[in-house]
Amino acid sequence: GIPKAIVKLSNDAMSDVAKGILTTDLVEKTAAKQFKVDGKVITISGIAKGSGMIRPDMATMLSFVFTDIKATQSELQAALTIATNQSFNRITVDGDTSTNDACTLSATGMSGVNIHDCVDEFQQALNEVTRSLAHQIIKDGEGATKFVEVCVKGGASNDDCLEVAYTVAHSPLVKTALFASDANWGRILAAVGRANISGLNIEDINISLNDVSIIQAGEPDESYTEAAGSNEMAKDTIVITIEIGDSASQESVWTTDFSYDYVKINAEYRT
């Protein structure tokens, strides 16, 4: 219990804690970042767990981030909100959420540096730590064989871009095509088309896999070949870029494929 845990407290037990919170995870998830202010070192370190039922809003995910900066609770909350909206709140394994989620940021103030003296530097470092942890969760997604970014540009608003990104990322047909390394552009285009946004014009839609253009103005790119598409889909890391207009709006969501193992894990695992 708690008394035994207290006895085991130490300055180098982060790995033990990261391991202790895992459930269906296969690997520990840790991240750290340091920067200097007037010669003093500021440290931000964090751990996380999560592998399935991941669509933070949040979901079956836990993350604990620590820093030695001096800051009030409201200042930490403001910084963490910005960071999570660019990291944990932009990932999805299967679109399922649960009631068990948390992301906390704790500060000891031991560095002697006040957050007022380095707001931008602290925010950037915190963003990097939370994004690293979020990406590690996706890479360790249940049964995952691919790390996928769905980047949507040009929507009427960032919300429209996000709606399209999540619709594609949650599509079972897209996710199984990713697992099969099948450059099935029709599945991607169909998912874009059923996103709940107004004013979508197929002639405005361009889609690429990494650097390979597959759709231009709603039609297959004349230079596209199945061999080129299959080569990109066979990679461990894939960026699906979708343009739906010419505005400056842009959002990214990170996700996984759906493999046989995902079905097996969730058919056999019961909470």
Protein backbone atom coordinates (compact mmCIF):
# COMPACT_ATOMS: atom_id res chain seq x y z
CA GLY A 1 0.00 0.00 0.00
CA ILE A 2 0.93 3.65 0.47
CA PRO A 3 3.47 3.06 3.31
CA LYS A 4 5.41 0.60 1.11
CA ALA A 5 5.34 3.04 -1.80
CA ILE A 6 6.73 5.83 0.41
CA VAL A 7 9.67 3.64 1.43
CA LYS A 8 10.57 3.13 -2.24
CA LEU A 9 10.60 6.85 -3.08
CA SER A 10 13.82 7.99 -4.76
CA ASN A 11 15.15 10.60 -7.18
CA ASP A 12 15.62 8.05 -9.97
CA ALA A 13 12.35 6.11 -9.82
CA MET A 14 10.70 7.72 -12.86
CA SER A 15 11.09 4.56 -14.93
CA ASP A 16 9.48 2.47 -12.18
CA VAL A 17 6.52 4.85 -12.04
CA ALA A 18 6.16 4.87 -15.83
CA LYS A 19 6.14 1.07 -15.79
CA GLY A 20 3.76 0.86 -12.85
CA ILE A 21 0.91 2.71 -14.58
CA LEU A 22 0.85 0.54 -17.72
CA THR A 23 -2.09 -1.72 -18.62
CA THR A 24 -2.25 -3.13 -22.16
CA ASP A 25 0.73 -0.94 -23.08
CA LEU A 26 3.81 -2.70 -24.40
CA VAL A 27 6.36 0.01 -23.60
CA GLU A 28 6.96 2.78 -21.07
CA LYS A 29 6.35 6.33 -22.26
CA THR A 30 8.63 9.08 -20.94
CA ALA A 31 9.79 12.47 -22.17
CA ALA A 32 11.91 15.32 -20.81
CA LYS A 33 13.10 18.76 -21.87
CA GLN A 34 15.49 21.30 -20.32
CA PHE A 35 16.21 24.95 -21.06
CA LYS A 36 18.10 27.75 -19.33
CA VAL A 37 17.00 31.13 -18.00
CA ASP A 38 19.79 33.42 -16.77
CA GLY A 39 22.02 30.41 -16.30
CA LYS A 40 19.45 28.44 -14.31
CA VAL A 41 18.21 25.12 -15.70
CA ILE A 42 14.47 24.48 -16.00
CA THR A 43 13.39 20.86 -16.35
CA ILE A 44 10.09 19.45 -17.60
CA SER A 45 9.63 15.68 -17.50
CA GLY A 46 6.60 13.50 -17.99
CA ILE A 47 5.22 9.98 -18.22
CA ALA A 48 2.09 8.59 -19.82
CA LYS A 49 0.12 5.40 -20.36
CA GLY A 50 -2.43 4.49 -22.97
CA SER A 51 -2.78 2.01 -25.80
CA GLY A 52 -6.46 1.36 -26.47
CA MET A 53 -9.70 3.32 -26.05
CA ILE A 54 -7.68 6.35 -27.06
CA ARG A 55 -9.46 9.43 -28.33
CA PRO A 56 -8.61 11.90 -25.58
CA ASP A 57 -11.39 14.25 -24.83
CA MET A 58 -9.99 12.65 -22.96
CA ALA A 59 -9.96 8.79 -22.79
CA THR A 60 -8.25 5.78 -21.20
CA MET A 61 -5.06 7.75 -20.87
CA LEU A 62 -2.99 8.99 -17.97
CA SER A 63 -0.16 11.50 -18.12
CA PHE A 64 1.80 13.11 -15.32
CA VAL A 65 4.13 16.00 -16.09
CA PHE A 66 6.51 17.60 -13.62
CA THR A 67 8.60 20.77 -13.62
CA ASP A 68 10.75 22.75 -11.20
CA ILE A 69 9.56 26.17 -12.37
CA LYS A 70 7.76 28.60 -10.02
CA ALA A 71 4.15 29.10 -11.11
CA THR A 72 0.63 29.40 -9.77
CA GLN A 73 -2.05 26.79 -10.39
CA SER A 74 -3.82 29.03 -12.90
CA GLU A 75 -0.58 29.65 -14.80
CA LEU A 76 0.13 25.93 -14.99
CA GLN A 77 -3.45 25.22 -16.08
CA ALA A 78 -3.23 27.78 -18.87
CA ALA A 79 0.04 26.32 -20.16
CA LEU A 80 -1.22 22.74 -19.92
CA THR A 81 -4.43 23.56 -21.79
CA ILE A 82 -2.43 24.93 -24.71
CA ALA A 83 -0.10 21.93 -24.68
CA THR A 84 -2.80 19.25 -24.49
CA ASN A 85 -4.80 20.83 -27.30
CA GLN A 86 -1.75 20.33 -29.53
CA SER A 87 -0.94 16.83 -28.34
CA PHE A 88 -3.19 14.54 -26.27
CA ASN A 89 -6.35 16.10 -27.70
CA ARG A 90 -5.14 15.39 -31.24
CA ILE A 91 -4.61 11.63 -31.05
CA THR A 92 -6.93 8.69 -31.63
CA VAL A 93 -6.43 4.94 -31.82
CA ASP A 94 -10.01 3.79 -32.18
CA GLY A 95 -12.28 6.74 -31.48
CA ASP A 96 -13.48 5.25 -28.20
CA THR A 97 -13.40 7.31 -25.03
CA SER A 98 -13.85 6.34 -21.40
CA THR A 99 -14.28 8.06 -18.05
CA ASN A 100 -10.76 7.25 -16.90
CA ASP A 101 -8.39 9.96 -18.06
CA ALA A 102 -6.08 12.56 -16.60
CA CYS A 103 -3.25 14.85 -17.52
CA THR A 104 -1.63 16.75 -14.67
CA LEU A 105 1.19 19.28 -14.44
CA SER A 106 2.94 19.70 -11.09
CA ALA A 107 5.56 22.32 -10.22
CA THR A 108 8.02 22.29 -7.31
CA GLY A 109 9.49 25.77 -7.83
CA MET A 110 12.91 24.38 -6.93
CA SER A 111 14.64 26.05 -9.90
CA GLY A 112 13.97 29.48 -8.44
CA VAL A 113 12.86 30.73 -11.87
CA ASN A 114 9.42 32.32 -12.19
CA ILE A 115 7.31 31.38 -15.19
CA HIS A 116 6.80 35.12 -15.85
CA ASP A 117 10.46 35.29 -16.91
CA CYS A 118 10.16 32.62 -19.61
CA VAL A 119 6.54 32.12 -20.63
CA ASP A 120 7.25 31.40 -24.30
CA GLU A 121 10.25 29.15 -23.65
CA PHE A 122 8.34 27.17 -21.02
CA GLN A 123 5.31 26.78 -23.28
CA GLN A 124 7.43 25.55 -26.17
CA ALA A 125 9.23 23.01 -23.96
CA LEU A 126 5.95 21.80 -22.45
CA ASN A 127 4.44 21.45 -25.92
CA GLU A 128 7.39 19.29 -26.97
CA VAL A 129 7.10 17.03 -23.92
CA THR A 130 3.34 16.47 -24.24
CA ARG A 131 3.53 15.93 -27.99
CA SER A 132 6.32 13.39 -27.55
CA LEU A 133 4.23 11.50 -24.99
CA ALA A 134 1.14 11.66 -27.22
CA HIS A 135 3.07 10.29 -30.19
CA GLN A 136 4.48 7.49 -28.04
CA ILE A 137 0.93 6.51 -27.11
CA ILE A 138 -0.02 6.25 -30.78
CA LYS A 139 3.10 4.26 -31.65
CA ASP A 140 2.16 1.82 -28.87
CA GLY A 141 -1.51 1.69 -29.87
CA GLU A 142 -3.13 -1.71 -29.50
CA GLY A 143 -2.05 -3.83 -32.45
CA ALA A 144 -0.62 -0.81 -34.27
CA THR A 145 1.83 -1.31 -37.11
CA LYS A 146 1.69 2.23 -38.53
CA PHE A 147 2.09 5.76 -37.12
CA VAL A 148 -0.19 7.99 -39.17
CA GLU A 149 -0.64 11.76 -39.31
CA VAL A 150 -3.79 13.06 -40.99
CA CYS A 151 -3.13 16.69 -41.87
CA VAL A 152 -6.04 18.72 -43.24
CA LYS A 153 -5.56 22.17 -44.76
CA GLY A 154 -7.67 24.91 -46.26
CA GLY A 155 -10.97 24.41 -44.45
CA ALA A 156 -13.36 27.26 -43.70
CA SER A 157 -12.17 26.99 -40.09
CA ASN A 158 -9.83 24.95 -37.93
CA ASP A 159 -12.89 23.08 -36.64
CA ASP A 160 -13.75 22.01 -40.18
CA CYS A 161 -10.20 20.79 -40.71
CA LEU A 162 -10.36 18.86 -37.45
CA GLU A 163 -13.72 17.30 -38.37
CA VAL A 164 -12.31 16.01 -41.66
CA ALA A 165 -9.12 14.76 -39.99
CA TYR A 166 -11.01 12.79 -37.35
CA THR A 167 -13.48 11.38 -39.89
CA VAL A 168 -10.59 9.98 -41.92
CA ALA A 169 -8.67 8.83 -38.83
CA HIS A 170 -11.72 7.00 -37.45
CA SER A 171 -12.73 5.30 -40.70
CA PRO A 172 -12.42 1.50 -40.27
CA LEU A 173 -11.98 1.13 -44.03
CA VAL A 174 -9.14 3.66 -44.11
CA LYS A 175 -7.50 2.10 -41.05
CA THR A 176 -7.67 -1.44 -42.45
CA ALA A 177 -6.29 -0.21 -45.78
CA LEU A 178 -3.38 1.29 -43.85
CA PHE A 179 -2.74 -2.08 -42.22
CA ALA A 180 -2.83 -3.80 -45.62
CA SER A 181 -0.49 -1.16 -47.12
CA ASP A 182 -3.24 -0.66 -49.68
CA ALA A 183 -3.24 2.80 -51.25
CA ASN A 184 -7.02 2.78 -51.52
CA TRP A 185 -7.58 6.44 -52.26
CA GLY A 186 -11.31 5.87 -52.72
CA ARG A 187 -11.69 5.07 -49.02
CA ILE A 188 -9.87 8.24 -48.02
CA LEU A 189 -11.87 10.39 -50.43
CA ALA A 190 -15.15 8.82 -49.27
CA ALA A 191 -14.29 9.57 -45.64
CA VAL A 192 -13.52 13.19 -46.50
CA GLY A 193 -16.84 13.44 -48.31
CA ARG A 194 -18.91 12.27 -45.35
CA ALA A 195 -17.30 14.65 -42.85
CA ASN A 196 -19.91 16.84 -41.17
CA ILE A 197 -18.94 20.17 -42.71
CA SER A 198 -20.73 22.47 -45.13
CA GLY A 199 -19.55 23.86 -48.44
CA LEU A 200 -17.21 20.98 -49.31
CA ASN A 201 -16.51 20.90 -53.05
CA ILE A 202 -14.88 17.81 -54.53
CA GLU A 203 -13.01 19.97 -57.03
CA ASP A 204 -11.17 21.59 -54.10
CA ILE A 205 -9.88 18.29 -52.71
CA ASN A 206 -6.23 17.30 -53.08
CA ILE A 207 -4.78 14.28 -51.27
CA SER A 208 -1.22 13.03 -50.92
CA LEU A 209 0.53 10.14 -49.16
CA ASN A 210 3.78 11.52 -47.79
CA ASP A 211 5.21 13.29 -50.87
CA VAL A 212 3.19 11.33 -53.43
CA SER A 213 0.17 13.15 -54.86
CA ILE A 214 -2.77 10.79 -55.37
CA ILE A 215 -5.76 13.12 -55.83
CA GLN A 216 -5.82 16.50 -57.57
CA ALA A 217 -9.05 18.51 -57.84
CA GLY A 218 -11.05 15.47 -56.77
CA GLU A 219 -9.62 13.19 -59.46
CA PRO A 220 -6.70 10.72 -59.50
CA ASP A 221 -3.47 12.61 -60.16
CA GLU A 222 -2.28 11.93 -63.72
CA SER A 223 1.24 11.23 -62.44
CA TYR A 224 0.07 8.79 -59.75
CA THR A 225 0.89 5.09 -59.97
CA GLU A 226 -0.32 2.23 -57.78
CA ALA A 227 3.29 1.20 -57.23
CA ALA A 228 4.17 4.62 -55.83
CA GLY A 229 1.13 4.63 -53.56
CA SER A 230 1.76 1.11 -52.29
CA ASN A 231 5.38 2.00 -51.57
CA GLU A 232 4.31 4.90 -49.32
CA MET A 233 1.60 2.86 -47.57
CA ALA A 234 4.16 0.16 -46.74
CA LYS A 235 6.15 2.60 -44.60
CA ASP A 236 5.90 2.63 -40.80
CA THR A 237 5.22 6.38 -40.75
CA ILE A 238 2.64 7.87 -43.10
CA VAL A 239 1.41 11.44 -43.53
CA ILE A 240 -1.95 11.77 -45.28
CA THR A 241 -2.26 15.40 -46.38
CA ILE A 242 -5.72 16.55 -47.43
CA GLU A 243 -6.42 19.98 -48.91
CA ILE A 244 -10.09 20.99 -48.93
CA GLY A 245 -9.73 24.67 -49.83
CA ASP A 246 -7.27 27.55 -49.95
CA SER A 247 -7.58 29.12 -46.49
CA ALA A 248 -4.79 29.20 -43.91
CA SER A 249 -6.68 26.86 -41.55
CA GLN A 250 -4.86 23.65 -40.70
CA GLU A 251 -5.15 20.79 -38.18
CA SER A 252 -3.40 17.46 -37.66
CA VAL A 253 -4.54 14.29 -35.94
CA TRP A 254 -2.28 11.32 -35.19
CA THR A 255 -3.63 7.79 -35.39
CA THR A 256 -2.89 4.12 -36.09
CA ASP A 257 -3.99 1.41 -38.45
CA PHE A 258 -6.36 -1.43 -37.49
CA SER A 259 -4.61 -4.80 -37.45
CA TYR A 260 -5.64 -8.38 -36.70
CA ASP A 261 -3.99 -7.94 -33.32
CA TYR A 262 -6.23 -4.98 -32.43
CA VAL A 263 -9.28 -7.21 -32.87
CA LYS A 264 -7.62 -10.09 -31.01
CA ILE A 265 -6.59 -7.91 -28.05
CA ASN A 266 -10.04 -6.39 -27.64
CA ALA A 267 -11.84 -9.69 -28.18
CA GLU A 268 -9.85 -11.30 -25.37
CA TYR A 269 -9.35 -8.37 -22.98
CA ARG A 270 -12.18 -7.52 -20.61
CA THR A 271 -12.16 -4.69 -18.03
